[in-house]
């Protein structure tokens, strides 16, 4: 069995390889707080009687997409608009039976934004603050600065969840020491994408060692 990739590390794959869209949402770390309740049609309180938007705001690589997908898992059948980085054309996945989820919303042009604003409940992941556009359309908006959630505890939980996702069988797994995680935060700040890329290389080197 040790001839299989990563078998001697008790892993089926590099834990920081690219997961599927379905797995990505399940690998989310950190709580969703009151955000699902905020997006539900029967919510009470802030935004109950007006269109509402949850805005996941932050720079590239801070975990906006993962957070958006984890949130979408709470709404069966909801639609996801994923923007193509080359053509900027949305591909809608899922039916319209719940909130509309929009990834890379900063790429929306005027006509596309107008279409999104017709939805009564929207969650967006964006690098650019779209609050003015939603406010002008009559939306109540809650903005979450996603990068503020990246800290040592977040990294520890992320590594643990990734290792369990890649686990091959019972037994110990190759953990990352706290000092190494603190070093990642010093080098990359709150850029989770850069942190995950370095961890991918680290596990690849472990696999390549004899």
C-alpha atoms as a PDB file:
ATOM      1  CA  UNK A   1       0.000   0.000   0.000  1.00  0.00           C
ATOM      2  CA  UNK A   2       2.937   2.338   0.652  1.00  0.00           C
ATOM      3  CA  UNK A   3       3.533   2.549  -3.107  1.00  0.00           C
ATOM      4  CA  UNK A   4       0.302   4.544  -3.460  1.00  0.00           C
ATOM      5  CA  UNK A   5       0.655   8.355  -3.470  1.00  0.00           C
ATOM      6  CA  UNK A   6       0.781   9.754   0.086  1.00  0.00           C
ATOM      7  CA  UNK A   7       0.067   6.302   1.576  1.00  0.00           C
ATOM      8  CA  UNK A   8       3.035   6.386   3.968  1.00  0.00           C
ATOM      9  CA  UNK A   9       1.636   9.658   5.362  1.00  0.00           C
ATOM     10  CA  UNK A  10      -1.737   7.965   5.899  1.00  0.00           C
ATOM     11  CA  UNK A  11      -3.245  10.261   3.260  1.00  0.00           C
ATOM     12  CA  UNK A  12      -5.111   9.620   0.008  1.00  0.00           C
ATOM     13  CA  UNK A  13      -3.953  12.891  -1.541  1.00  0.00           C
ATOM     14  CA  UNK A  14      -2.183  16.127  -0.790  1.00  0.00           C
ATOM     15  CA  UNK A  15      -4.538  17.690   1.785  1.00  0.00           C
ATOM     16  CA  UNK A  16      -4.091  21.085   0.167  1.00  0.00           C
ATOM     17  CA  UNK A  17      -4.869  19.953  -3.345  1.00  0.00           C
ATOM     18  CA  UNK A  18      -7.841  21.509  -5.114  1.00  0.00           C
ATOM     19  CA  UNK A  19     -11.113  20.111  -3.723  1.00  0.00           C
ATOM     20  CA  UNK A  20     -14.344  19.846  -5.686  1.00  0.00           C
ATOM     21  CA  UNK A  21     -16.938  22.607  -5.326  1.00  0.00           C
ATOM     22  CA  UNK A  22     -18.983  20.246  -3.133  1.00  0.00           C
ATOM     23  CA  UNK A  23     -16.016  19.479  -0.863  1.00  0.00           C
ATOM     24  CA  UNK A  24     -14.930  23.116  -0.689  1.00  0.00           C
ATOM     25  CA  UNK A  25     -18.065  24.159   1.176  1.00  0.00           C
ATOM     26  CA  UNK A  26     -17.645  21.251   3.612  1.00  0.00           C
ATOM     27  CA  UNK A  27     -14.042  22.326   4.318  1.00  0.00           C
ATOM     28  CA  UNK A  28     -15.133  25.757   5.520  1.00  0.00           C
ATOM     29  CA  UNK A  29     -13.778  26.685   8.952  1.00  0.00           C
ATOM     30  CA  UNK A  30     -15.359  29.143  11.346  1.00  0.00           C
ATOM     31  CA  UNK A  31     -18.997  29.663  12.193  1.00  0.00           C
ATOM     32  CA  UNK A  32     -21.635  31.172   9.933  1.00  0.00           C
ATOM     33  CA  UNK A  33     -22.975  33.232  12.842  1.00  0.00           C
ATOM     34  CA  UNK A  34     -26.473  34.557  12.139  1.00  0.00           C
ATOM     35  CA  UNK A  35     -26.014  34.810   8.378  1.00  0.00           C
ATOM     36  CA  UNK A  36     -28.342  31.936   7.369  1.00  0.00           C
ATOM     37  CA  UNK A  37     -31.132  33.464   9.465  1.00  0.00           C
ATOM     38  CA  UNK A  38     -30.499  36.853   7.894  1.00  0.00           C
ATOM     39  CA  UNK A  39     -31.006  35.346   4.427  1.00  0.00           C
ATOM     40  CA  UNK A  40     -34.131  33.337   5.184  1.00  0.00           C
ATOM     41  CA  UNK A  41     -37.388  34.629   3.754  1.00  0.00           C
ATOM     42  CA  UNK A  42     -39.174  34.283   7.092  1.00  0.00           C
ATOM     43  CA  UNK A  43     -36.536  36.178   9.069  1.00  0.00           C
ATOM     44  CA  UNK A  44     -37.571  38.843  11.540  1.00  0.00           C
ATOM     45  CA  UNK A  45     -35.714  41.949  12.546  1.00  0.00           C
ATOM     46  CA  UNK A  46     -33.179  43.716  10.328  1.00  0.00           C
ATOM     47  CA  UNK A  47     -34.114  43.475   6.648  1.00  0.00           C
ATOM     48  CA  UNK A  48     -37.307  41.494   7.271  1.00  0.00           C
ATOM     49  CA  UNK A  49     -39.554  43.721   5.168  1.00  0.00           C
ATOM     50  CA  UNK A  50     -37.129  44.759   2.438  1.00  0.00           C
ATOM     51  CA  UNK A  51     -34.746  43.113  -0.028  1.00  0.00           C
ATOM     52  CA  UNK A  52     -31.531  42.145   1.714  1.00  0.00           C
ATOM     53  CA  UNK A  53     -27.974  41.315   0.802  1.00  0.00           C
ATOM     54  CA  UNK A  54     -25.168  39.644   2.702  1.00  0.00           C
ATOM     55  CA  UNK A  55     -21.859  40.959   1.361  1.00  0.00           C
ATOM     56  CA  UNK A  56     -18.704  38.884   1.971  1.00  0.00           C
ATOM     57  CA  UNK A  57     -16.024  41.478   1.369  1.00  0.00           C
ATOM     58  CA  UNK A  58     -12.267  41.081   1.197  1.00  0.00           C
ATOM     59  CA  UNK A  59      -9.109  40.931  -0.927  1.00  0.00           C
ATOM     60  CA  UNK A  60      -8.259  37.958  -3.152  1.00  0.00           C
ATOM     61  CA  UNK A  61      -7.440  34.727  -1.349  1.00  0.00           C
ATOM     62  CA  UNK A  62      -9.046  35.428   2.032  1.00  0.00           C
ATOM     63  CA  UNK A  63     -11.728  32.697   1.866  1.00  0.00           C
ATOM     64  CA  UNK A  64     -14.749  34.494   0.407  1.00  0.00           C
ATOM     65  CA  UNK A  65     -15.696  31.739  -2.045  1.00  0.00           C
ATOM     66  CA  UNK A  66     -15.389  28.965   0.545  1.00  0.00           C
ATOM     67  CA  UNK A  67     -17.562  30.961   2.941  1.00  0.00           C
ATOM     68  CA  UNK A  68     -20.147  31.615   0.226  1.00  0.00           C
ATOM     69  CA  UNK A  69     -20.336  27.901  -0.685  1.00  0.00           C
ATOM     70  CA  UNK A  70     -20.629  26.869   2.958  1.00  0.00           C
ATOM     71  CA  UNK A  71     -23.489  29.318   3.361  1.00  0.00           C
ATOM     72  CA  UNK A  72     -25.177  28.072   0.203  1.00  0.00           C
ATOM     73  CA  UNK A  73     -25.221  24.526   1.604  1.00  0.00           C
ATOM     74  CA  UNK A  74     -27.844  25.757   4.099  1.00  0.00           C
ATOM     75  CA  UNK A  75     -30.247  26.540   1.235  1.00  0.00           C
ATOM     76  CA  UNK A  76     -31.141  23.499  -0.854  1.00  0.00           C
ATOM     77  CA  UNK A  77     -31.815  24.322  -4.498  1.00  0.00           C
ATOM     78  CA  UNK A  78     -30.558  27.901  -4.336  1.00  0.00           C
ATOM     79  CA  UNK A  79     -28.876  29.405  -7.397  1.00  0.00           C
ATOM     80  CA  UNK A  80     -25.153  30.097  -7.691  1.00  0.00           C
ATOM     81  CA  UNK A  81     -23.758  32.599 -10.196  1.00  0.00           C
ATOM     82  CA  UNK A  82     -20.068  31.907 -10.817  1.00  0.00           C
ATOM     83  CA  UNK A  83     -18.331  34.487 -12.972  1.00  0.00           C
ATOM     84  CA  UNK A  84     -15.964  33.286 -15.683  1.00  0.00           C
ATOM     85  CA  UNK A  85     -12.590  35.035 -15.175  1.00  0.00           C
ATOM     86  CA  UNK A  86     -12.008  35.186 -18.961  1.00  0.00           C
ATOM     87  CA  UNK A  87     -15.411  36.120 -20.405  1.00  0.00           C
ATOM     88  CA  UNK A  88     -17.161  37.494 -17.338  1.00  0.00           C
ATOM     89  CA  UNK A  89     -20.306  35.553 -18.264  1.00  0.00           C
ATOM     90  CA  UNK A  90     -22.301  33.985 -15.444  1.00  0.00           C
ATOM     91  CA  UNK A  91     -23.125  30.305 -15.313  1.00  0.00           C
ATOM     92  CA  UNK A  92     -26.124  29.751 -13.026  1.00  0.00           C
ATOM     93  CA  UNK A  93     -26.103  26.494 -11.060  1.00  0.00           C
ATOM     94  CA  UNK A  94     -29.171  25.342  -9.152  1.00  0.00           C
ATOM     95  CA  UNK A  95     -32.788  26.473  -9.176  1.00  0.00           C
ATOM     96  CA  UNK A  96     -34.212  29.730  -7.864  1.00  0.00           C
ATOM     97  CA  UNK A  97     -35.934  28.442  -4.728  1.00  0.00           C
ATOM     98  CA  UNK A  98     -33.840  30.407  -2.229  1.00  0.00           C
ATOM     99  CA  UNK A  99     -31.310  33.231  -2.011  1.00  0.00           C
ATOM    100  CA  UNK A 100     -29.172  34.044  -5.033  1.00  0.00           C
ATOM    101  CA  UNK A 101     -25.460  33.453  -4.365  1.00  0.00           C
ATOM    102  CA  UNK A 102     -22.964  35.409  -6.493  1.00  0.00           C
ATOM    103  CA  UNK A 103     -19.221  34.748  -6.488  1.00  0.00           C
ATOM    104  CA  UNK A 104     -16.700  37.337  -7.764  1.00  0.00           C
ATOM    105  CA  UNK A 105     -19.496  39.900  -7.770  1.00  0.00           C
ATOM    106  CA  UNK A 106     -17.001  42.725  -8.374  1.00  0.00           C
ATOM    107  CA  UNK A 107     -16.910  41.539 -12.000  1.00  0.00           C
ATOM    108  CA  UNK A 108     -20.569  42.326 -12.604  1.00  0.00           C
ATOM    109  CA  UNK A 109     -21.319  44.854 -15.323  1.00  0.00           C
ATOM    110  CA  UNK A 110     -24.303  47.214 -15.116  1.00  0.00           C
ATOM    111  CA  UNK A 111     -26.810  44.927 -16.912  1.00  0.00           C
ATOM    112  CA  UNK A 112     -25.770  41.894 -14.859  1.00  0.00           C
ATOM    113  CA  UNK A 113     -25.991  43.864 -11.633  1.00  0.00           C
ATOM    114  CA  UNK A 114     -29.487  45.003 -12.598  1.00  0.00           C
ATOM    115  CA  UNK A 115     -30.537  41.369 -12.990  1.00  0.00           C
ATOM    116  CA  UNK A 116     -29.096  40.472  -9.592  1.00  0.00           C
ATOM    117  CA  UNK A 117     -30.907  43.403  -7.973  1.00  0.00           C
ATOM    118  CA  UNK A 118     -34.238  41.883  -9.029  1.00  0.00           C
ATOM    119  CA  UNK A 119     -33.678  39.073  -6.519  1.00  0.00           C
ATOM    120  CA  UNK A 120     -35.149  39.810  -3.071  1.00  0.00           C
ATOM    121  CA  UNK A 121     -32.391  37.987  -1.160  1.00  0.00           C
ATOM    122  CA  UNK A 122     -28.763  37.931  -2.319  1.00  0.00           C
ATOM    123  CA  UNK A 123     -25.401  36.840  -0.916  1.00  0.00           C
ATOM    124  CA  UNK A 124     -22.287  38.075  -2.732  1.00  0.00           C
ATOM    125  CA  UNK A 125     -18.568  37.405  -2.421  1.00  0.00           C
ATOM    126  CA  UNK A 126     -16.721  40.452  -3.703  1.00  0.00           C
ATOM    127  CA  UNK A 127     -13.389  42.258  -3.670  1.00  0.00           C
ATOM    128  CA  UNK A 128     -15.163  45.611  -4.169  1.00  0.00           C
ATOM    129  CA  UNK A 129     -17.707  47.109  -1.782  1.00  0.00           C
ATOM    130  CA  UNK A 130     -21.059  47.044  -3.624  1.00  0.00           C
ATOM    131  CA  UNK A 131     -23.000  48.508  -0.713  1.00  0.00           C
ATOM    132  CA  UNK A 132     -23.927  51.753  -2.494  1.00  0.00           C
ATOM    133  CA  UNK A 133     -25.497  49.911  -5.442  1.00  0.00           C
ATOM    134  CA  UNK A 134     -27.558  47.666  -3.162  1.00  0.00           C
ATOM    135  CA  UNK A 135     -28.594  50.541  -0.888  1.00  0.00           C
ATOM    136  CA  UNK A 136     -29.729  52.606  -3.877  1.00  0.00           C
ATOM    137  CA  UNK A 137     -31.864  49.640  -4.980  1.00  0.00           C
ATOM    138  CA  UNK A 138     -33.591  49.580  -1.587  1.00  0.00           C
ATOM    139  CA  UNK A 139     -31.660  46.667  -0.063  1.00  0.00           C
ATOM    140  CA  UNK A 140     -30.799  46.248   3.576  1.00  0.00           C
ATOM    141  CA  UNK A 141     -27.165  45.105   3.521  1.00  0.00           C
ATOM    142  CA  UNK A 142     -24.932  43.309   6.021  1.00  0.00           C
ATOM    143  CA  UNK A 143     -21.207  43.442   5.211  1.00  0.00           C
ATOM    144  CA  UNK A 144     -18.769  40.863   6.583  1.00  0.00           C
ATOM    145  CA  UNK A 145     -15.013  41.649   6.303  1.00  0.00           C
ATOM    146  CA  UNK A 146     -13.954  38.046   5.661  1.00  0.00           C
ATOM    147  CA  UNK A 147     -10.205  38.551   6.086  1.00  0.00           C
ATOM    148  CA  UNK A 148     -10.736  39.596   9.719  1.00  0.00           C
ATOM    149  CA  UNK A 149     -11.553  35.951  10.477  1.00  0.00           C
ATOM    150  CA  UNK A 150      -8.096  34.652   9.434  1.00  0.00           C
ATOM    151  CA  UNK A 151      -5.969  33.967  12.533  1.00  0.00           C
ATOM    152  CA  UNK A 152      -3.967  31.167  14.182  1.00  0.00           C
ATOM    153  CA  UNK A 153      -7.080  29.338  15.397  1.00  0.00           C
ATOM    154  CA  UNK A 154      -8.534  29.495  11.873  1.00  0.00           C
ATOM    155  CA  UNK A 155      -5.356  27.951  10.413  1.00  0.00           C
ATOM    156  CA  UNK A 156      -5.276  25.189  13.017  1.00  0.00           C
ATOM    157  CA  UNK A 157      -8.884  24.287  12.263  1.00  0.00           C
ATOM    158  CA  UNK A 158      -8.249  24.491   8.516  1.00  0.00           C
ATOM    159  CA  UNK A 159      -5.264  22.096   8.670  1.00  0.00           C
ATOM    160  CA  UNK A 160      -7.195  19.638  10.839  1.00  0.00           C
ATOM    161  CA  UNK A 161     -10.171  19.616   8.495  1.00  0.00           C
ATOM    162  CA  UNK A 162      -8.008  19.245   5.396  1.00  0.00           C
ATOM    163  CA  UNK A 163      -6.113  16.339   6.948  1.00  0.00           C
ATOM    164  CA  UNK A 164      -9.349  14.532   7.806  1.00  0.00           C
ATOM    165  CA  UNK A 165     -10.606  15.151   4.266  1.00  0.00           C
ATOM    166  CA  UNK A 166      -7.450  13.489   2.874  1.00  0.00           C
ATOM    167  CA  UNK A 167      -7.171  10.741   5.528  1.00  0.00           C
ATOM    168  CA  UNK A 168      -6.507   7.223   4.218  1.00  0.00           C
ATOM    169  CA  UNK A 169      -7.218   5.192   7.359  1.00  0.00           C
ATOM    170  CA  UNK A 170      -6.951   5.041  11.164  1.00  0.00           C
ATOM    171  CA  UNK A 171      -3.797   6.325  12.783  1.00  0.00           C
ATOM    172  CA  UNK A 172      -1.726   9.505  13.114  1.00  0.00           C
ATOM    173  CA  UNK A 173      -1.549  12.220  10.472  1.00  0.00           C
ATOM    174  CA  UNK A 174       1.283  14.656   9.609  1.00  0.00           C
ATOM    175  CA  UNK A 175       0.261  17.748  11.567  1.00  0.00           C
ATOM    176  CA  UNK A 176       1.659  21.255  11.150  1.00  0.00           C
ATOM    177  CA  UNK A 177       3.248  22.722  14.278  1.00  0.00           C
ATOM    178  CA  UNK A 178       1.904  25.934  15.758  1.00  0.00           C
ATOM    179  CA  UNK A 179       5.183  27.753  15.171  1.00  0.00           C
ATOM    180  CA  UNK A 180       5.048  26.909  11.473  1.00  0.00           C
ATOM    181  CA  UNK A 181       1.497  28.271  11.235  1.00  0.00           C
ATOM    182  CA  UNK A 182       2.561  31.480  12.973  1.00  0.00           C
ATOM    183  CA  UNK A 183       5.342  31.775  10.407  1.00  0.00           C
ATOM    184  CA  UNK A 184       2.800  31.449   7.599  1.00  0.00           C
ATOM    185  CA  UNK A 185       0.778  34.292   9.093  1.00  0.00           C
ATOM    186  CA  UNK A 186       3.883  36.475   9.312  1.00  0.00           C
ATOM    187  CA  UNK A 187       4.830  35.782   5.688  1.00  0.00           C
ATOM    188  CA  UNK A 188       1.400  35.927   4.078  1.00  0.00           C
ATOM    189  CA  UNK A 189      -0.792  37.892   6.456  1.00  0.00           C
ATOM    190  CA  UNK A 190      -4.438  36.963   5.921  1.00  0.00           C
ATOM    191  CA  UNK A 191      -4.003  35.635   2.389  1.00  0.00           C
ATOM    192  CA  UNK A 192      -5.380  32.097   2.804  1.00  0.00           C
ATOM    193  CA  UNK A 193      -4.701  31.261  -0.826  1.00  0.00           C
ATOM    194  CA  UNK A 194      -0.973  31.937  -0.407  1.00  0.00           C
ATOM    195  CA  UNK A 195      -0.925  30.038   2.904  1.00  0.00           C
ATOM    196  CA  UNK A 196      -2.625  27.028   1.321  1.00  0.00           C
ATOM    197  CA  UNK A 197      -0.185  27.111  -1.611  1.00  0.00           C
ATOM    198  CA  UNK A 198       2.800  26.951   0.757  1.00  0.00           C
ATOM    199  CA  UNK A 199       1.175  24.139   2.739  1.00  0.00           C
ATOM    200  CA  UNK A 200       0.567  22.251  -0.514  1.00  0.00           C
ATOM    201  CA  UNK A 201       4.283  22.489  -1.314  1.00  0.00           C
ATOM    202  CA  UNK A 202       5.197  21.387   2.232  1.00  0.00           C
ATOM    203  CA  UNK A 203       3.058  18.241   2.039  1.00  0.00           C
ATOM    204  CA  UNK A 204       4.348  17.540  -1.458  1.00  0.00           C
ATOM    205  CA  UNK A 205       7.910  17.665  -0.117  1.00  0.00           C
ATOM    206  CA  UNK A 206       6.946  15.278   2.675  1.00  0.00           C
ATOM    207  CA  UNK A 207       5.610  12.859   0.103  1.00  0.00           C
ATOM    208  CA  UNK A 208       8.758  13.155  -2.022  1.00  0.00           C
ATOM    209  CA  UNK A 209      11.117  12.420   0.865  1.00  0.00           C
ATOM    210  CA  UNK A 210      12.435   8.876   1.015  1.00  0.00           C
END
